[in-house]
C-alpha atoms as a PDB file:
ATOM      1  CA  MET A   1    -162.762-205.008  86.068  1.00  0.00           C
ATOM      2  CA  GLU A   2    -165.484-203.882  83.722  1.00  0.00           C
ATOM      3  CA  PHE A   3    -167.806-200.986  84.465  1.00  0.00           C
ATOM      4  CA  GLU A   4    -170.698-202.247  82.319  1.00  0.00           C
ATOM      5  CA  ASN A   5    -173.135-202.678  85.209  1.00  0.00           C
ATOM      6  CA  ILE A   6    -171.904-199.812  87.403  1.00  0.00           C
ATOM      7  CA  TYR A   7    -173.440-196.360  87.071  1.00  0.00           C
ATOM      8  CA  SER A   8    -172.959-193.241  89.170  1.00  0.00           C
ATOM      9  CA  GLY A   9    -176.269-191.553  88.330  1.00  0.00           C
ATOM     10  CA  ASP A  10    -174.731-188.714  86.266  1.00  0.00           C
ATOM     11  CA  LYS A  11    -175.686-189.543  82.654  1.00  0.00           C
ATOM     12  CA  TYR A  12    -172.986-187.381  81.035  1.00  0.00           C
ATOM     13  CA  ILE A  13    -170.129-188.861  83.076  1.00  0.00           C
ATOM     14  CA  ASP A  14    -171.509-192.392  82.842  1.00  0.00           C
ATOM     15  CA  ASN A  15    -171.556-192.048  79.047  1.00  0.00           C
ATOM     16  CA  LEU A  16    -167.927-190.887  79.045  1.00  0.00           C
ATOM     17  CA  TRP A  17    -166.755-193.825  81.144  1.00  0.00           C
ATOM     18  CA  HIS A  18    -168.797-196.433  79.267  1.00  0.00           C
ATOM     19  CA  ASN A  19    -168.139-195.137  75.738  1.00  0.00           C
ATOM     20  CA  LYS A  20    -165.420-197.371  74.311  1.00  0.00           C
ATOM     21  CA  SER A  21    -165.028-195.373  71.070  1.00  0.00           C
ATOM     22  CA  ASP A  22    -164.039-192.147  72.846  1.00  0.00           C
ATOM     23  CA  PHE A  23    -160.475-191.240  71.798  1.00  0.00           C
ATOM     24  CA  ILE A  24    -159.831-189.435  75.093  1.00  0.00           C
ATOM     25  CA  ASN A  25    -160.478-192.200  77.569  1.00  0.00           C
ATOM     26  CA  PRO A  26    -161.009-190.982  81.166  1.00  0.00           C
ATOM     27  CA  LYS A  27    -159.864-194.393  82.465  1.00  0.00           C
ATOM     28  CA  ASN A  28    -156.430-193.915  80.897  1.00  0.00           C
ATOM     29  CA  LYS A  29    -156.188-190.310  82.108  1.00  0.00           C
ATOM     30  CA  PHE A  30    -157.031-191.384  85.635  1.00  0.00           C
ATOM     31  CA  ARG A  31    -154.554-194.286  85.574  1.00  0.00           C
ATOM     32  CA  ASN A  32    -151.807-191.965  84.309  1.00  0.00           C
ATOM     33  CA  CYS A  33    -152.494-189.442  87.089  1.00  0.00           C
ATOM     34  CA  VAL A  34    -152.360-192.187  89.721  1.00  0.00           C
ATOM     35  CA  LEU A  35    -149.089-193.530  88.333  1.00  0.00           C
ATOM     36  CA  TYR A  36    -147.640-189.997  88.166  1.00  0.00           C
ATOM     37  CA  PHE A  37    -148.326-189.332  91.855  1.00  0.00           C
ATOM     38  CA  LEU A  38    -147.131-192.753  92.968  1.00  0.00           C
ATOM     39  CA  GLN A  39    -143.846-192.504  91.076  1.00  0.00           C
ATOM     40  CA  LYS A  40    -142.986-189.468  93.199  1.00  0.00           C
ATOM     41  CA  GLU A  41    -143.493-191.216  96.555  1.00  0.00           C
ATOM     42  CA  SER A  42    -145.396-194.014  98.285  1.00  0.00           C
ATOM     43  CA  MET A  43    -148.586-192.860  99.953  1.00  0.00           C
ATOM     44  CA  SER A  44    -151.814-193.984 101.528  1.00  0.00           C
ATOM     45  CA  LEU A  45    -155.123-194.116  99.673  1.00  0.00           C
ATOM     46  CA  ASP A  46    -156.455-191.109 101.579  1.00  0.00           C
ATOM     47  CA  LYS A  47    -153.500-188.966 100.538  1.00  0.00           C
ATOM     48  CA  LEU A  48    -153.713-190.201  96.934  1.00  0.00           C
ATOM     49  CA  TYR A  49    -157.435-189.384  96.686  1.00  0.00           C
ATOM     50  CA  THR A  50    -156.826-185.937  98.163  1.00  0.00           C
ATOM     51  CA  LEU A  51    -154.014-185.213  95.691  1.00  0.00           C
ATOM     52  CA  LEU A  52    -156.150-186.372  92.776  1.00  0.00           C
ATOM     53  CA  TYR A  53    -159.019-184.165  93.939  1.00  0.00           C
ATOM     54  CA  LEU A  54    -156.759-181.133  94.345  1.00  0.00           C
ATOM     55  CA  ALA A  55    -155.128-181.710  90.946  1.00  0.00           C
ATOM     56  CA  ASN A  56    -158.538-181.879  89.284  1.00  0.00           C
ATOM     57  CA  LYS A  57    -159.705-178.783  91.189  1.00  0.00           C
ATOM     58  CA  TYR A  58    -156.565-176.837  90.211  1.00  0.00           C
ATOM     59  CA  HIS A  59    -156.960-177.815  86.561  1.00  0.00           C
ATOM     60  CA  LEU A  60    -160.649-176.836  86.598  1.00  0.00           C
ATOM     61  CA  ARG A  61    -159.872-173.457  88.133  1.00  0.00           C
ATOM     62  CA  HIS A  62    -157.023-172.563  85.771  1.00  0.00           C
ATOM     63  CA  TYR A  63    -158.114-174.214  82.508  1.00  0.00           C
ATOM     64  CA  ALA A  64    -161.929-174.324  82.899  1.00  0.00           C
ATOM     65  CA  ARG A  65    -162.059-178.114  82.499  1.00  0.00           C
ATOM     66  CA  MET A  66    -161.166-181.100  84.600  1.00  0.00           C
ATOM     67  CA  ILE A  67    -158.276-183.442  83.834  1.00  0.00           C
ATOM     68  CA  TRP A  68    -160.758-186.331  83.736  1.00  0.00           C
ATOM     69  CA  ASN A  69    -164.479-186.350  84.395  1.00  0.00           C
ATOM     70  CA  ASP A  70    -165.662-188.347  87.358  1.00  0.00           C
ATOM     71  CA  VAL A  71    -168.321-188.092  90.020  1.00  0.00           C
ATOM     72  CA  TRP A  72    -166.736-187.046  93.326  1.00  0.00           C
ATOM     73  CA  ILE A  73    -168.299-188.401  96.496  1.00  0.00           C
ATOM     74  CA  ALA A  74    -167.925-186.645  99.845  1.00  0.00           C
ATOM     75  CA  LYS A  75    -166.965-189.087 102.586  1.00  0.00           C
ATOM     76  CA  LYS A  76    -165.774-188.618 106.135  1.00  0.00           C
ATOM     77  CA  GLU A  77    -162.190-189.448 105.102  1.00  0.00           C
ATOM     78  CA  GLY A  78    -162.269-186.955 102.216  1.00  0.00           C
ATOM     79  CA  PRO A  79    -163.308-186.771  98.560  1.00  0.00           C
ATOM     80  CA  ARG A  80    -163.526-190.034  96.590  1.00  0.00           C
ATOM     81  CA  PRO A  81    -163.825-190.455  92.809  1.00  0.00           C
ATOM     82  CA  PHE A  82    -166.679-192.846  91.977  1.00  0.00           C
ATOM     83  CA  TYR A  83    -165.070-194.655  89.042  1.00  0.00           C
ATOM     84  CA  GLY A  84    -161.566-193.856  90.250  1.00  0.00           C
ATOM     85  CA  GLU A  85    -161.996-196.029  93.334  1.00  0.00           C
ATOM     86  CA  LEU A  86    -162.859-198.976  91.098  1.00  0.00           C
ATOM     87  CA  ILE A  87    -159.813-198.405  88.908  1.00  0.00           C
ATOM     88  CA  ILE A  88    -157.458-198.089  91.883  1.00  0.00           C
ATOM     89  CA  GLN A  89    -158.824-201.317  93.387  1.00  0.00           C
ATOM     90  CA  GLU A  90    -158.271-203.019  90.027  1.00  0.00           C
ATOM     91  CA  MET A  91    -154.690-201.688  89.890  1.00  0.00           C
ATOM     92  CA  ILE A  92    -154.014-202.931  93.444  1.00  0.00           C
ATOM     93  CA  ASN A  93    -155.476-206.363  92.663  1.00  0.00           C
ATOM     94  CA  LYS A  94    -153.298-206.661  89.535  1.00  0.00           C
ATOM     95  CA  LYS A  95    -150.307-205.533  91.644  1.00  0.00           C
ATOM     96  CA  GLU A  96    -149.617-202.593  89.299  1.00  0.00           C
ATOM     97  CA  ILE A  97    -149.386-200.248  92.286  1.00  0.00           C
ATOM     98  CA  LYS A  98    -148.624-200.631  95.970  1.00  0.00           C
ATOM     99  CA  ILE A  99    -150.384-198.514  98.561  1.00  0.00           C
ATOM    100  CA  ILE A 100    -149.086-198.104 102.103  1.00  0.00           C
ATOM    101  CA  LYS A 101    -151.546-198.461 104.967  1.00  0.00           C
END
């Protein structure tokens, strides 16, 4: 899935996600974090999003920067990463990961 026509509204973060020449690609960082959590145990999407949010929050608090930059959206079920949701759906569709219901 390409993100060419999808924008969150935050110009700085949109530029990071759409810049293909960036040597530190937030897409790869996000994918690696997802795979790290899922290799430990199977989990639901809600739990995965919460763990990703808490990992990013912990890293921001202790190292003054986030693991990857994304726009976080507050939803009733909990925090959701804007671009992260798209990447996880792509990973599920390609059968790279399996999420329990």
